[in-house]
Structure formats: structure tokens, C-alpha cells
Amino acid sequence: MMRVLAIVLIALTGCTANTVSQRHRLIPADAELVFGVDIAAVLGSDAYHANAPQYRDSIPFVWLDAARACGIDPIQSHLSVLGGTDHEGQLALTFTGLDIGDPSKLRCISDRLTAPEAGPASFSVHDREYTGFIADRDHVATIVDPHTVVFATRGWAESVHLLNHGTGVPHPAQAPAGRHHHAWVDGRPFIHMPIPPATRRLHATFDLADDLRIDLRLDYAADDAARIQQNGEADGFCSALAAVGMPCKSAAWTDDVHHLDLATSLARFVELAPLIFTNKPPAPIVWGGTC
């Protein structure tokens, strides 16, 4: 599943076959953190092109090159992904794009990725049109329709199967209202995320221009919010972010929510992304103190 997840890490919705609300119905209700990425918009951005050469040998490039060779251009197909995960490592990713669910094209991608020069098999396609499966040791993928494929860890495969057939309980979250963003994330933070441990919920949007701007909101219990402000821990958080190349452009409190505007390069964010999307603990960060 890390091969699939890597696409999300580097790809930070265009006009697709399914709406965001329709795709949310394929994310299990047990998801504690949900996120969306407009892959097509990211790949078409100036910030991505400025850093693309350093990603050439990465797993996402292998997948994207295979997709292009099999007639699925990520930009022209308006490729996007909506995902959900939990603290136990379960994951569901709904990829939407023109013809991404075409069994013959998925089989073509599979053949290219399982060629000797591509290393171990990434997935295989069974001949069951629109209800077929793509499987490897870590995940199962269901072809929902000609334009939608859902990858899920095996622990969530049955839940996704039920959701695809109109039963089960989908996740209730929705994409951020208002203007379109290149990516967004919302939910309960993981213990190893490089944010203050008292954070109850985080919400972030990601926008690419000359750099990557991150609008981050951290939600606390009232007592924790008061303590953090009184002890200067919020300033310490900005200092820690600046030390890893993600300075706070602004920071403010609204009731128990800490609102931060961050800026960094896409390349730097990709380096830090594994701290957000994996269970590996980050380097120690001291939250107290002042800037």
C-alpha cells in the first residue's frame, strides 16, 4: 500500500465522473483522517514542474509513466484521489479520472509494472469487468465504474465492497467549502504527527503557486487551548516549524482553534510528508518556549 500512498505524498478535482460527495460514500465510516488531492492540478502546476526532476525515480513516477503509456494521461483525465485512514493503518483511496476504471487499461498498467525491469509485481487484474479486483500482499482494489477505482487495505476491503453495493456506513466528511484547493486533510491527528500532542482535530488545505501555502487549523479542548496560549507553546510550535523549513506567515487564535498560515517549498513538504502519513515518529520537537 505504500506504493499507492506515495502518490498521495508527492501529488499534493477537476471535472470527473463522480462528485466529491459520491466518492465519499466509498470511504468507510471508521476513517479517522480523510484527505483529497487534485493530482491533475498538482502535476500541471509550476511548483511541481520546478521540482519534477528529483522525483523521476520515485514510485509515483513509475505508476504515472505506466498510466500514460496505457492511454491515461493524469492531467487530461482530471485524475484525483480521495482517501481515508485510521490509527491502525487501514486505508482506502478512491482514484477518479477519465478511463481510470477501464479494465483493459488497468491490465496494461499491471503488465508494465510487473515486467522484469519493474521489479516485483505491483498488482494483477482479474477478468471481472467493473467488479474486478486488483490485488497484492497489502491491498485490494475494486473497479467501481469506468472512471473510479478504490484501493483498500485488506481490513477495509469488505467495508468498501459493501459501500460500493449501496450498503454499509460511509464516512460523513465533506471537502472544504468555498474555493478549490490542490489538497486538503481533515480529522483526528496521529500520535506521531509533528503537531502539539494536545491537538484534538486538524484541518488543513494546501495550495500551490510559487511555493506551497498551507492553511492549518488545530482544534483543542478549552483547558488545553488556555494552557498552550498561557505557556507560549504556540510560539514554540512556530519556531519548530520554521526550523524544519515551514515558517508561520501568520498565527492567530479563534476560541479554542489555532489558525496558522504556513509556507514552504513543495520539495521540502515531500521530504516531511512521511511524518504525516506513516507511523514513523519524527525527530524530537520541543513545543515550549517562544520565537
Protein backbone atom coordinates (compact mmCIF):
# COMPACT_ATOMS: atom_id res chain seq x y z
CA MET A 1 0.00 0.00 0.00
CA MET A 2 2.94 2.34 0.43
CA ARG A 3 3.27 2.35 -3.37
CA VAL A 4 -0.24 3.75 -3.64
CA LEU A 5 0.20 6.07 -0.67
CA ALA A 6 3.36 7.50 -2.21
CA ILE A 7 1.20 9.01 -4.95
CA VAL A 8 -0.63 10.99 -2.30
CA LEU A 9 2.59 12.12 -0.63
CA ILE A 10 4.06 13.59 -3.80
CA ALA A 11 0.85 14.61 -5.56
CA LEU A 12 -0.16 17.29 -3.40
CA THR A 13 -10.90 17.77 -8.60
CA GLY A 14 -11.06 18.53 -11.75
CA CYS A 15 -14.12 17.61 -13.85
CA THR A 16 -14.53 13.94 -13.08
CA ALA A 17 -17.19 11.26 -13.45
CA ASN A 18 -18.11 11.26 -9.74
CA THR A 19 -18.75 14.20 -7.46
CA VAL A 20 -16.84 14.53 -4.20
CA SER A 21 -19.96 13.56 -2.23
CA GLN A 22 -20.39 10.41 -4.33
CA ARG A 23 -16.78 9.41 -3.80
CA HIS A 24 -17.07 9.97 -0.03
CA ARG A 25 -19.59 7.15 0.09
CA LEU A 26 -16.71 4.75 -0.71
CA ILE A 27 -14.66 5.75 2.38
CA PRO A 28 -15.58 3.64 5.46
CA ALA A 29 -17.06 5.39 8.47
CA ASP A 30 -14.16 4.10 10.58
CA ALA A 31 -11.77 6.51 8.85
CA GLU A 32 -10.35 8.93 11.41
CA LEU A 33 -8.45 11.12 8.96
CA VAL A 34 -9.69 11.95 5.44
CA PHE A 35 -7.91 13.77 2.64
CA GLY A 36 -8.22 14.72 -1.00
CA VAL A 37 -5.68 15.53 -3.70
CA ASP A 38 -6.27 17.02 -7.14
CA ILE A 39 -3.44 15.12 -8.81
CA ALA A 40 -4.08 16.66 -12.23
CA ALA A 41 -3.84 20.22 -10.88
CA VAL A 42 -0.68 19.41 -8.94
CA LEU A 43 1.04 17.85 -11.96
CA GLY A 44 0.10 20.89 -14.02
CA SER A 45 1.43 23.42 -11.51
CA ASP A 46 4.61 25.46 -11.92
CA ALA A 47 5.77 24.41 -8.44
CA TYR A 48 5.62 20.75 -9.41
CA HIS A 49 7.45 21.24 -12.71
CA ALA A 50 10.20 23.16 -10.93
CA ASN A 51 10.89 20.11 -8.73
CA ALA A 52 9.87 17.25 -11.04
CA PRO A 53 13.39 16.01 -11.97
CA GLN A 54 14.15 14.95 -8.39
CA TYR A 55 11.03 12.74 -8.38
CA ARG A 56 11.85 10.92 -11.63
CA ASP A 57 12.92 7.65 -9.98
CA SER A 58 10.18 7.63 -7.36
CA ILE A 59 7.36 5.06 -7.25
CA PRO A 60 4.67 7.62 -8.25
CA PHE A 61 6.57 8.44 -11.43
CA VAL A 62 6.70 4.74 -12.28
CA TRP A 63 2.94 4.49 -11.90
CA LEU A 64 2.25 7.73 -13.76
CA ASP A 65 4.56 6.79 -16.63
CA ALA A 66 2.81 3.42 -16.89
CA ALA A 67 -0.58 5.15 -16.90
CA ARG A 68 0.48 7.50 -19.70
CA ALA A 69 1.84 4.59 -21.76
CA CYS A 70 -1.52 2.83 -21.37
CA GLY A 71 -3.60 5.79 -22.55
CA ILE A 72 -4.40 7.53 -19.25
CA ASP A 73 -2.86 10.97 -19.07
CA PRO A 74 -3.16 12.11 -15.43
CA ILE A 75 -3.78 15.73 -16.42
CA GLN A 76 -6.11 15.16 -19.36
CA SER A 77 -8.07 12.57 -17.39
CA HIS A 78 -8.50 15.00 -14.45
CA LEU A 79 -7.06 12.42 -12.05
CA SER A 80 -7.81 12.96 -8.37
CA VAL A 81 -7.84 10.91 -5.18
CA LEU A 82 -9.96 10.91 -2.06
CA GLY A 83 -8.67 8.90 0.90
CA GLY A 84 -9.34 7.89 4.46
CA THR A 85 -7.20 6.16 7.08
CA ASP A 86 -7.20 5.25 10.77
CA HIS A 87 -4.76 4.79 13.64
CA GLU A 88 -4.47 1.06 12.95
CA GLY A 89 -3.04 1.61 9.46
CA GLN A 90 -6.19 0.82 7.46
CA LEU A 91 -6.51 2.88 4.29
CA ALA A 92 -8.95 3.45 1.43
CA LEU A 93 -8.09 5.53 -1.66
CA THR A 94 -10.69 6.39 -4.29
CA PHE A 95 -9.00 7.36 -7.57
CA THR A 96 -11.23 9.16 -10.06
CA GLY A 97 -10.34 10.09 -13.63
CA LEU A 98 -11.41 9.51 -17.20
CA ASP A 99 -11.00 5.78 -18.01
CA ILE A 100 -9.05 5.02 -14.81
CA GLY A 101 -11.53 2.16 -14.22
CA ASP A 102 -11.20 0.66 -17.70
CA PRO A 103 -10.16 -2.98 -17.04
CA SER A 104 -8.08 -3.18 -20.24
CA LYS A 105 -6.10 -0.07 -19.30
CA LEU A 106 -5.59 -1.26 -15.75
CA ARG A 107 -4.41 -4.59 -17.13
CA CYS A 108 -1.99 -2.69 -19.37
CA ILE A 109 -0.63 -0.78 -16.37
CA SER A 110 -0.33 -4.02 -14.45
CA ASP A 111 1.63 -5.64 -17.29
CA ARG A 112 4.06 -2.72 -17.44
CA LEU A 113 4.58 -2.67 -13.67
CA THR A 114 5.10 -6.44 -13.49
CA ALA A 115 7.67 -6.53 -16.28
CA PRO A 116 11.09 -7.84 -15.12
CA GLU A 117 12.64 -4.38 -15.24
CA ALA A 118 9.88 -3.01 -12.98
CA GLY A 119 10.72 -5.34 -10.08
CA PRO A 120 8.16 -7.31 -8.05
CA ALA A 121 4.55 -7.36 -9.23
CA SER A 122 2.61 -4.34 -8.06
CA PHE A 123 -0.86 -5.77 -8.75
CA SER A 124 -2.79 -8.12 -11.00
CA VAL A 125 -6.20 -7.73 -12.63
CA HIS A 126 -8.83 -10.45 -12.57
CA ASP A 127 -11.21 -10.68 -15.52
CA ARG A 128 -14.41 -9.40 -13.88
CA GLU A 129 -15.34 -6.18 -15.61
CA TYR A 130 -16.34 -3.32 -13.29
CA THR A 131 -16.35 -5.59 -10.24
CA GLY A 132 -12.86 -6.92 -10.75
CA PHE A 133 -10.12 -6.84 -8.18
CA ILE A 134 -6.53 -5.72 -8.25
CA ALA A 135 -4.61 -7.45 -5.51
CA ASP A 136 -1.19 -7.70 -3.93
CA ARG A 137 0.01 -8.60 -0.45
CA ASP A 138 -1.19 -5.36 1.09
CA HIS A 139 -4.39 -4.20 -0.56
CA VAL A 140 -7.39 -4.99 -2.73
CA ALA A 141 -8.77 -2.62 -5.35
CA THR A 142 -12.31 -2.58 -6.68
CA ILE A 143 -13.25 -1.19 -10.08
CA VAL A 144 -16.36 0.83 -9.28
CA ASP A 145 -17.12 2.16 -12.76
CA PRO A 146 -15.15 3.14 -15.90
CA HIS A 147 -13.81 6.22 -14.12
CA THR A 148 -13.37 5.11 -10.49
CA VAL A 149 -11.11 2.63 -8.68
CA VAL A 150 -10.92 2.15 -4.90
CA PHE A 151 -7.75 0.76 -3.30
CA ALA A 152 -8.17 -0.51 0.27
CA THR A 153 -6.12 -2.38 2.81
CA ARG A 154 -7.47 -5.86 3.35
CA GLY A 155 -9.00 -4.88 6.69
CA TRP A 156 -11.28 -2.41 4.91
CA ALA A 157 -11.83 -4.37 1.69
CA GLU A 158 -15.16 -5.82 2.84
CA SER A 159 -16.37 -2.39 4.03
CA VAL A 160 -15.55 -0.85 0.65
CA HIS A 161 -17.27 -3.77 -1.09
CA LEU A 162 -20.46 -3.15 0.92
CA LEU A 163 -20.32 0.61 0.30
CA ASN A 164 -19.89 0.02 -3.42
CA HIS A 165 -23.11 -2.03 -3.37
CA GLY A 166 -25.08 0.61 -1.50
CA THR A 167 -24.89 -0.85 1.99
CA GLY A 168 -22.64 -0.13 4.94
CA VAL A 169 -21.93 3.25 6.53
CA PRO A 170 -19.81 5.79 4.62
CA HIS A 171 -17.68 8.50 6.16
CA PRO A 172 -19.69 11.73 6.63
CA ALA A 173 -16.89 14.20 5.91
CA GLN A 174 -17.02 16.62 3.02
CA ALA A 175 -14.38 18.52 1.09
CA PRO A 176 -13.77 22.11 2.25
CA ALA A 177 -16.42 24.57 1.19
CA GLY A 178 -15.51 27.57 -0.93
CA ARG A 179 -12.72 27.75 -3.44
CA HIS A 180 -10.91 24.76 -4.85
CA HIS A 181 -7.67 23.58 -3.22
CA HIS A 182 -4.87 21.40 -4.54
CA ALA A 183 -5.22 19.18 -1.46
CA TRP A 184 -6.89 19.03 1.93
CA VAL A 185 -6.88 16.89 5.07
CA ASP A 186 -9.30 16.75 7.99
CA GLY A 187 -9.69 14.62 11.10
CA ARG A 188 -8.08 13.23 14.21
CA PRO A 189 -4.27 13.58 14.13
CA PHE A 190 -1.94 10.62 14.55
CA ILE A 191 0.28 10.42 17.60
CA HIS A 192 3.47 10.76 15.55
CA MET A 193 2.36 13.81 13.56
CA PRO A 194 4.67 16.77 14.17
CA ILE A 195 1.97 18.87 15.87
CA PRO A 196 1.28 19.58 19.55
CA PRO A 197 0.14 16.37 21.30
CA ALA A 198 -2.99 18.00 22.76
CA THR A 199 -4.48 18.61 19.30
CA ARG A 200 -7.93 17.03 19.11
CA ARG A 201 -8.55 17.65 15.41
CA LEU A 202 -6.70 19.17 12.50
CA HIS A 203 -7.88 20.66 9.24
CA ALA A 204 -5.53 21.81 6.51
CA THR A 205 -5.75 22.99 2.91
CA PHE A 206 -2.79 23.02 0.51
CA ASP A 207 -2.39 25.46 -2.38
CA LEU A 208 0.44 25.62 -4.91
CA ALA A 209 1.63 28.85 -6.50
CA ASP A 210 5.28 29.90 -6.44
CA ASP A 211 5.52 27.93 -3.21
CA LEU A 212 3.22 25.72 -1.14
CA ARG A 213 0.87 27.55 1.20
CA ILE A 214 -0.76 25.55 3.98
CA ASP A 215 -3.78 26.85 5.87
CA LEU A 216 -3.70 24.84 9.12
CA ARG A 217 -6.26 24.79 11.90
CA LEU A 218 -5.64 22.89 15.15
CA ASP A 219 -8.59 22.27 17.47
CA TYR A 220 -8.05 21.89 21.24
CA ALA A 221 -10.12 21.30 24.34
CA ALA A 222 -10.77 24.59 26.14
CA ASP A 223 -8.37 23.84 29.02
CA ASP A 224 -5.59 22.80 26.65
CA ALA A 225 -6.08 25.90 24.48
CA ALA A 226 -5.80 28.16 27.53
CA ARG A 227 -2.67 26.37 28.78
CA ILE A 228 -0.98 26.44 25.37
CA GLN A 229 -1.57 30.17 24.99
CA GLN A 230 -0.51 30.96 28.56
CA ASN A 231 2.72 28.93 28.38
CA GLY A 232 3.80 30.19 24.97
CA GLU A 233 3.66 26.71 23.46
CA ALA A 234 2.04 28.07 20.31
CA ASP A 235 5.09 30.25 19.68
CA GLY A 236 7.28 27.23 20.25
CA PHE A 237 5.32 25.34 17.61
CA CYS A 238 6.00 28.08 15.04
CA SER A 239 9.68 28.01 15.98
CA ALA A 240 9.79 24.24 15.48
CA LEU A 241 8.08 24.55 12.09
CA ALA A 242 10.49 27.28 11.00
CA ALA A 243 13.42 25.08 12.00
CA VAL A 244 12.30 22.39 9.51
CA GLY A 245 11.64 24.85 6.69
CA MET A 246 7.93 25.57 7.19
CA PRO A 247 7.72 29.06 8.70
CA CYS A 248 4.48 30.53 10.03
CA LYS A 249 3.44 33.53 7.94
CA SER A 250 0.74 34.29 10.48
CA ALA A 251 -0.83 32.68 13.55
CA ALA A 252 -3.98 33.56 15.47
CA TRP A 253 -6.48 32.06 17.88
CA THR A 254 -10.27 31.90 17.49
CA ASP A 255 -11.74 30.47 20.68
CA ASP A 256 -10.05 27.05 21.03
CA VAL A 257 -8.75 26.84 17.46
CA HIS A 258 -5.18 27.79 16.50
CA HIS A 259 -5.09 29.05 12.90
CA LEU A 260 -1.71 29.08 11.13
CA ASP A 261 -0.69 30.17 7.65
CA LEU A 262 2.44 28.24 6.62
CA ALA A 263 4.71 28.50 3.60
CA THR A 264 7.31 26.08 2.25
CA SER A 265 8.57 24.60 -0.98
CA LEU A 266 6.84 21.56 -2.47
CA ALA A 267 10.16 19.71 -2.34
CA ARG A 268 10.52 20.34 1.38
CA PHE A 269 6.97 19.27 2.08
CA VAL A 270 7.51 16.00 0.22
CA GLU A 271 10.53 15.35 2.45
CA LEU A 272 8.37 15.91 5.54
CA ALA A 273 5.27 14.11 4.28
CA PRO A 274 6.23 10.67 5.63
CA LEU A 275 6.00 12.16 9.14
CA ILE A 276 2.34 12.87 8.45
CA PHE A 277 1.24 9.78 6.56
CA THR A 278 3.22 6.98 8.22
CA ASN A 279 3.65 5.67 11.73
CA LYS A 280 7.31 6.64 11.91
CA PRO A 281 7.98 9.10 14.74
CA PRO A 282 9.57 12.41 13.76
CA ALA A 283 12.74 13.80 15.21
CA PRO A 284 12.17 15.23 18.70
CA ILE A 285 10.48 18.63 18.69
CA VAL A 286 10.33 20.91 21.72
CA TRP A 287 6.94 22.62 21.83
CA GLY A 288 7.52 25.07 24.68
CA GLY A 289 9.37 28.37 24.56
CA THR A 290 8.96 31.46 22.42
CA CYS A 291 10.04 32.54 18.97
